[in-house]
C-alpha atoms as a PDB file:
ATOM      1  CA  MET A   1      46.725  84.704   4.027  1.00  0.00           C
ATOM      2  CA  GLU A   2      48.273  81.399   2.992  1.00  0.00           C
ATOM      3  CA  ASP A   3      51.987  80.797   3.484  1.00  0.00           C
ATOM      4  CA  PHE A   4      54.155  81.053   0.388  1.00  0.00           C
ATOM      5  CA  ASP A   5      54.829  77.509  -0.797  1.00  0.00           C
ATOM      6  CA  ILE A   6      57.643  77.255  -3.366  1.00  0.00           C
ATOM      7  CA  GLY A   7      56.891  73.560  -3.846  1.00  0.00           C
ATOM      8  CA  LYS A   8      53.338  74.380  -4.865  1.00  0.00           C
ATOM      9  CA  ILE A   9      54.570  77.040  -7.276  1.00  0.00           C
ATOM     10  CA  MET A  10      57.067  74.604  -8.817  1.00  0.00           C
ATOM     11  CA  GLN A  11      54.311  71.989  -9.198  1.00  0.00           C
ATOM     12  CA  MET A  12      52.082  74.541 -10.936  1.00  0.00           C
ATOM     13  CA  ALA A  13      54.939  75.503 -13.265  1.00  0.00           C
ATOM     14  CA  GLY A  14      55.433  71.830 -14.156  1.00  0.00           C
ATOM     15  CA  ASP A  15      51.701  71.443 -14.753  1.00  0.00           C
ATOM     16  CA  PHE A  16      51.711  74.506 -16.980  1.00  0.00           C
ATOM     17  CA  ARG A  17      54.644  73.107 -18.978  1.00  0.00           C
ATOM     18  CA  SER A  18      52.742  69.837 -19.392  1.00  0.00           C
ATOM     19  CA  ALA A  19      49.706  71.751 -20.643  1.00  0.00           C
ATOM     20  CA  LEU A  20      51.858  73.633 -23.162  1.00  0.00           C
ATOM     21  CA  ASP A  21      53.297  70.324 -24.395  1.00  0.00           C
ATOM     22  CA  LYS A  22      49.745  68.985 -24.738  1.00  0.00           C
ATOM     23  CA  ILE A  23      48.755  72.065 -26.728  1.00  0.00           C
ATOM     24  CA  THR A  24      51.731  71.623 -29.065  1.00  0.00           C
ATOM     25  CA  ARG A  25      50.912  67.949 -29.642  1.00  0.00           C
ATOM     26  CA  LYS A  26      47.287  68.806 -30.439  1.00  0.00           C
ATOM     27  CA  LEU A  27      48.299  71.577 -32.826  1.00  0.00           C
ATOM     28  CA  GLU A  28      50.821  69.371 -34.626  1.00  0.00           C
ATOM     29  CA  LYS A  29      47.915  67.046 -35.486  1.00  0.00           C
ATOM     30  CA  GLU A  30      45.610  69.886 -36.560  1.00  0.00           C
ATOM     31  CA  GLU A  31      45.169  70.210 -40.335  1.00  0.00           C
ATOM     32  CA  ILE A  32      44.301  73.552 -41.884  1.00  0.00           C
ATOM     33  CA  ASP A  33      43.310  73.297 -45.536  1.00  0.00           C
ATOM     34  CA  VAL A  34      42.814  76.265 -47.842  1.00  0.00           C
ATOM     35  CA  SER A  35      41.548  76.311 -51.411  1.00  0.00           C
ATOM     36  CA  ILE A  36      41.754  79.470 -53.536  1.00  0.00           C
ATOM     37  CA  GLY A  37      40.584  80.202 -57.066  1.00  0.00           C
ATOM     38  CA  GLY A  38      38.143  77.348 -57.290  1.00  0.00           C
ATOM     39  CA  GLY A  39      40.777  74.864 -56.198  1.00  0.00           C
ATOM     40  CA  MET A  40      43.554  76.149 -58.457  1.00  0.00           C
ATOM     41  CA  ILE A  41      45.695  76.730 -55.362  1.00  0.00           C
ATOM     42  CA  LYS A  42      45.477  74.288 -52.442  1.00  0.00           C
ATOM     43  CA  LEU A  43      47.470  74.737 -49.277  1.00  0.00           C
ATOM     44  CA  SER A  44      47.626  72.534 -46.206  1.00  0.00           C
ATOM     45  CA  ILE A  45      49.438  73.458 -42.993  1.00  0.00           C
ATOM     46  CA  ASN A  46      49.435  71.981 -39.520  1.00  0.00           C
ATOM     47  CA  GLY A  47      48.577  73.835 -36.326  1.00  0.00           C
ATOM     48  CA  VAL A  48      52.171  74.854 -35.654  1.00  0.00           C
ATOM     49  CA  GLY A  49      52.539  76.447 -39.094  1.00  0.00           C
ATOM     50  CA  LYS A  50      54.410  73.729 -40.966  1.00  0.00           C
ATOM     51  CA  VAL A  51      53.428  73.612 -44.631  1.00  0.00           C
ATOM     52  CA  LYS A  52      52.324  70.058 -45.320  1.00  0.00           C
ATOM     53  CA  GLU A  53      51.288  70.456 -48.963  1.00  0.00           C
ATOM     54  CA  LEU A  54      51.025  73.081 -51.678  1.00  0.00           C
ATOM     55  CA  GLN A  55      49.312  72.301 -54.977  1.00  0.00           C
ATOM     56  CA  ILE A  56      49.233  74.690 -57.916  1.00  0.00           C
ATOM     57  CA  ASP A  57      47.056  73.879 -60.930  1.00  0.00           C
ATOM     58  CA  GLU A  58      49.240  73.602 -64.038  1.00  0.00           C
ATOM     59  CA  THR A  59      46.973  75.930 -66.010  1.00  0.00           C
ATOM     60  CA  LEU A  60      48.188  78.811 -63.867  1.00  0.00           C
ATOM     61  CA  PHE A  61      51.679  78.329 -65.313  1.00  0.00           C
ATOM     62  CA  SER A  62      50.480  78.142 -68.898  1.00  0.00           C
ATOM     63  CA  LYS A  63      48.571  81.418 -68.555  1.00  0.00           C
ATOM     64  CA  GLY A  64      51.848  83.190 -67.853  1.00  0.00           C
ATOM     65  CA  ASP A  65      50.192  85.560 -65.398  1.00  0.00           C
ATOM     66  CA  LYS A  66      52.845  85.800 -62.694  1.00  0.00           C
ATOM     67  CA  GLU A  67      50.992  88.532 -60.795  1.00  0.00           C
ATOM     68  CA  MET A  68      47.780  86.494 -60.577  1.00  0.00           C
ATOM     69  CA  LEU A  69      49.697  83.469 -59.284  1.00  0.00           C
ATOM     70  CA  GLU A  70      51.447  85.617 -56.676  1.00  0.00           C
ATOM     71  CA  ASP A  71      48.113  87.140 -55.591  1.00  0.00           C
ATOM     72  CA  MET A  72      46.497  83.725 -55.264  1.00  0.00           C
ATOM     73  CA  LEU A  73      49.415  82.332 -53.269  1.00  0.00           C
ATOM     74  CA  THR A  74      49.391  85.373 -51.012  1.00  0.00           C
ATOM     75  CA  ALA A  75      45.651  84.979 -50.443  1.00  0.00           C
ATOM     76  CA  ALA A  76      46.046  81.279 -49.633  1.00  0.00           C
ATOM     77  CA  PHE A  77      48.744  81.957 -47.040  1.00  0.00           C
ATOM     78  CA  GLU A  78      46.788  84.845 -45.505  1.00  0.00           C
ATOM     79  CA  VAL A  79      43.710  82.636 -45.051  1.00  0.00           C
ATOM     80  CA  ALA A  80      45.851  79.806 -43.661  1.00  0.00           C
ATOM     81  CA  ILE A  81      47.580  82.133 -41.170  1.00  0.00           C
ATOM     82  CA  ARG A  82      44.231  83.551 -39.992  1.00  0.00           C
ATOM     83  CA  ARG A  83      42.847  80.038 -39.496  1.00  0.00           C
ATOM     84  CA  LEU A  84      46.075  78.992 -37.767  1.00  0.00           C
ATOM     85  CA  LYS A  85      45.738  81.841 -35.256  1.00  0.00           C
ATOM     86  CA  GLU A  86      42.120  80.845 -34.597  1.00  0.00           C
ATOM     87  CA  ALA A  87      43.115  77.199 -34.079  1.00  0.00           C
ATOM     88  CA  ILE A  88      45.900  78.185 -31.674  1.00  0.00           C
ATOM     89  CA  GLU A  89      43.579  80.408 -29.626  1.00  0.00           C
ATOM     90  CA  LYS A  90      40.862  77.744 -29.478  1.00  0.00           C
ATOM     91  CA  THR A  91      43.251  74.923 -28.545  1.00  0.00           C
ATOM     92  CA  PHE A  92      45.148  77.023 -26.011  1.00  0.00           C
ATOM     93  CA  SER A  93      41.985  78.203 -24.285  1.00  0.00           C
ATOM     94  CA  ALA A  94      40.297  74.795 -24.229  1.00  0.00           C
ATOM     95  CA  THR A  95      43.385  72.976 -22.944  1.00  0.00           C
ATOM     96  CA  LEU A  96      44.117  75.479 -20.191  1.00  0.00           C
ATOM     97  CA  MET A  97      40.514  75.532 -19.035  1.00  0.00           C
ATOM     98  CA  GLU A  98      40.377  71.736 -18.813  1.00  0.00           C
ATOM     99  CA  SER A  99      43.794  71.447 -17.189  1.00  0.00           C
ATOM    100  CA  PHE A 100      43.900  74.238 -14.662  1.00  0.00           C
ATOM    101  CA  PRO A 101      42.640  75.799 -11.579  1.00  0.00           C
ATOM    102  CA  LEU A 102      46.073  77.476 -11.911  1.00  0.00           C
ATOM    103  CA  PHE A 103      44.639  80.779 -13.079  1.00  0.00           C
ATOM    104  CA  ASN A 104      42.435  81.022 -10.002  1.00  0.00           C
ATOM    105  CA  LEU A 105      45.467  80.375  -7.810  1.00  0.00           C
ATOM    106  CA  LEU A 106      47.504  83.020  -9.615  1.00  0.00           C
ATOM    107  CA  ASP A 107      44.653  85.500  -9.304  1.00  0.00           C
ATOM    108  CA  ASN A 108      44.452  84.816  -5.561  1.00  0.00           C
ATOM    109  CA  PHE A 109      48.218  85.203  -5.238  1.00  0.00           C
ATOM    110  CA  ILE A 110      48.197  88.528  -7.102  1.00  0.00           C
ATOM    111  CA  ASN A 111      45.257  89.825  -5.092  1.00  0.00           C
ATOM    112  CA  ASN A 112      46.962  88.828  -1.825  1.00  0.00           C
ATOM    113  CA  GLU A 113      50.084  90.704  -2.900  1.00  0.00           C
ATOM    114  CA  ASP A 114      47.960  93.812  -3.554  1.00  0.00           C
ATOM    115  CA  GLU A 115      46.414  93.569  -0.066  1.00  0.00           C
ATOM    116  CA  ASP A 116      49.863  93.399   1.558  1.00  0.00           C
ATOM    117  CA  GLU A 117      50.899  96.735   0.062  1.00  0.00           C
END
Protein backbone atom coordinates (compact mmCIF):
# COMPACT_ATOMS: atom_id res chain seq x y z
CA MET A 1 0.00 0.00 0.00
CA GLU A 2 1.26 3.48 -0.85
CA ASP A 3 1.83 6.02 1.91
CA PHE A 4 -0.81 8.72 2.27
CA ASP A 5 0.53 11.84 0.58
CA ILE A 6 -1.41 15.01 1.43
CA GLY A 7 0.65 16.97 -1.09
CA LYS A 8 -0.47 14.64 -3.86
CA ILE A 9 -4.09 14.96 -2.77
CA MET A 10 -3.82 18.76 -2.72
CA GLN A 11 -2.28 18.72 -6.21
CA MET A 12 -5.13 16.54 -7.48
CA ALA A 13 -7.68 18.90 -5.92
CA GLY A 14 -6.01 21.84 -7.67
CA ASP A 15 -6.02 19.93 -10.95
CA PHE A 16 -9.69 19.12 -10.51
CA ARG A 17 -10.47 22.80 -9.85
CA SER A 18 -8.57 23.72 -13.01
CA ALA A 19 -10.60 21.18 -14.98
CA LEU A 20 -13.85 22.61 -13.60
CA ASP A 21 -12.73 26.11 -14.63
CA LYS A 22 -11.93 24.77 -18.10
CA ILE A 23 -15.39 23.19 -18.30
CA THR A 24 -17.04 26.48 -17.31
CA ARG A 25 -15.06 28.43 -19.92
CA LYS A 26 -16.03 25.92 -22.63
CA LEU A 27 -19.69 26.02 -21.63
CA GLU A 28 -19.78 29.82 -21.57
CA LYS A 29 -18.77 29.73 -25.26
CA GLU A 30 -21.30 27.02 -26.15
CA GLU A 31 -24.36 28.29 -28.04
CA ILE A 32 -27.65 26.44 -27.83
CA ASP A 33 -30.22 27.64 -30.35
CA VAL A 34 -33.87 26.60 -30.37
CA SER A 35 -36.55 27.41 -32.92
CA ILE A 36 -40.22 26.63 -32.24
CA GLY A 37 -43.31 27.06 -34.38
CA GLY A 38 -41.51 27.30 -37.67
CA GLY A 39 -39.22 30.00 -36.35
CA MET A 40 -41.92 32.08 -34.66
CA ILE A 41 -40.05 31.68 -31.37
CA LYS A 42 -36.24 31.66 -31.36
CA LEU A 43 -34.22 31.21 -28.21
CA SER A 44 -30.47 31.22 -27.74
CA ILE A 45 -28.71 30.35 -24.48
CA ASN A 46 -25.12 29.62 -23.61
CA GLY A 47 -23.83 26.47 -21.94
CA VAL A 48 -24.17 27.88 -18.44
CA GLY A 49 -27.84 28.75 -18.96
CA LYS A 50 -27.61 32.48 -19.67
CA VAL A 51 -30.28 33.61 -22.12
CA LYS A 52 -28.45 35.35 -24.94
CA GLU A 53 -31.42 36.13 -27.19
CA LEU A 54 -35.17 35.63 -27.38
CA GLN A 55 -37.09 36.52 -30.53
CA ILE A 56 -40.87 36.40 -30.80
CA ASP A 57 -42.52 36.87 -34.19
CA GLU A 58 -44.83 39.90 -34.07
CA THR A 59 -47.72 37.93 -35.59
CA LEU A 60 -48.01 36.00 -32.34
CA PHE A 61 -48.99 39.23 -30.57
CA SER A 62 -51.53 40.22 -33.19
CA LYS A 63 -53.28 36.85 -32.94
CA GLY A 64 -54.07 37.59 -29.31
CA ASP A 65 -53.64 33.95 -28.34
CA LYS A 66 -51.87 34.27 -24.99
CA GLU A 67 -52.09 30.54 -24.26
CA MET A 68 -50.44 29.58 -27.55
CA LEU A 69 -47.60 32.05 -26.93
CA GLU A 70 -47.10 30.68 -23.42
CA ASP A 71 -47.07 27.10 -24.74
CA MET A 72 -44.53 27.95 -27.42
CA LEU A 73 -42.27 29.76 -24.97
CA THR A 74 -42.51 26.87 -22.53
CA ALA A 75 -41.62 24.41 -25.30
CA ALA A 76 -38.64 26.52 -26.37
CA PHE A 77 -37.25 26.66 -22.84
CA GLU A 78 -37.84 22.94 -22.27
CA VAL A 79 -35.90 22.05 -25.43
CA ALA A 80 -33.13 24.50 -24.51
CA ILE A 81 -32.82 23.07 -20.98
CA ARG A 82 -32.66 19.50 -22.32
CA ARG A 83 -29.94 20.48 -24.80
CA LEU A 84 -28.12 22.41 -22.06
CA LYS A 85 -28.03 19.31 -19.84
CA GLU A 86 -26.69 17.25 -22.76
CA ALA A 87 -24.00 19.85 -23.49
CA ILE A 88 -22.95 19.95 -19.82
CA GLU A 89 -22.70 16.15 -19.61
CA LYS A 90 -20.72 15.92 -22.86
CA THR A 91 -18.32 18.74 -21.95
CA PHE A 92 -17.85 17.53 -18.38
CA SER A 93 -17.12 13.97 -19.44
CA ALA A 94 -14.79 14.89 -22.30
CA THR A 95 -12.80 17.40 -20.24
CA LEU A 96 -12.36 15.09 -17.26
CA MET A 97 -11.32 12.18 -19.44
CA GLU A 98 -8.69 14.27 -21.23
CA SER A 99 -7.45 15.92 -18.04
CA PHE A 100 -7.33 13.13 -15.51
CA PRO A 101 -5.92 9.94 -14.34
CA LEU A 102 -7.44 11.32 -11.10
CA PHE A 103 -10.39 8.94 -11.16
CA ASN A 104 -8.08 5.94 -11.32
CA LEU A 105 -6.16 7.28 -8.34
CA LEU A 106 -9.35 7.85 -6.37
CA ASP A 107 -10.56 4.36 -7.22
CA ASN A 108 -7.26 2.90 -6.00
CA PHE A 109 -7.46 4.97 -2.82
CA ILE A 110 -11.03 3.82 -2.11
CA ASN A 111 -10.17 0.19 -2.82
CA ASN A 112 -7.13 0.39 -0.52
CA GLU A 113 -9.33 1.79 2.24
CA ASP A 114 -11.72 -1.16 1.79
CA GLU A 115 -8.82 -3.64 2.09
CA ASP A 116 -7.66 -2.05 5.35
CA GLU A 117 -11.01 -2.69 7.03
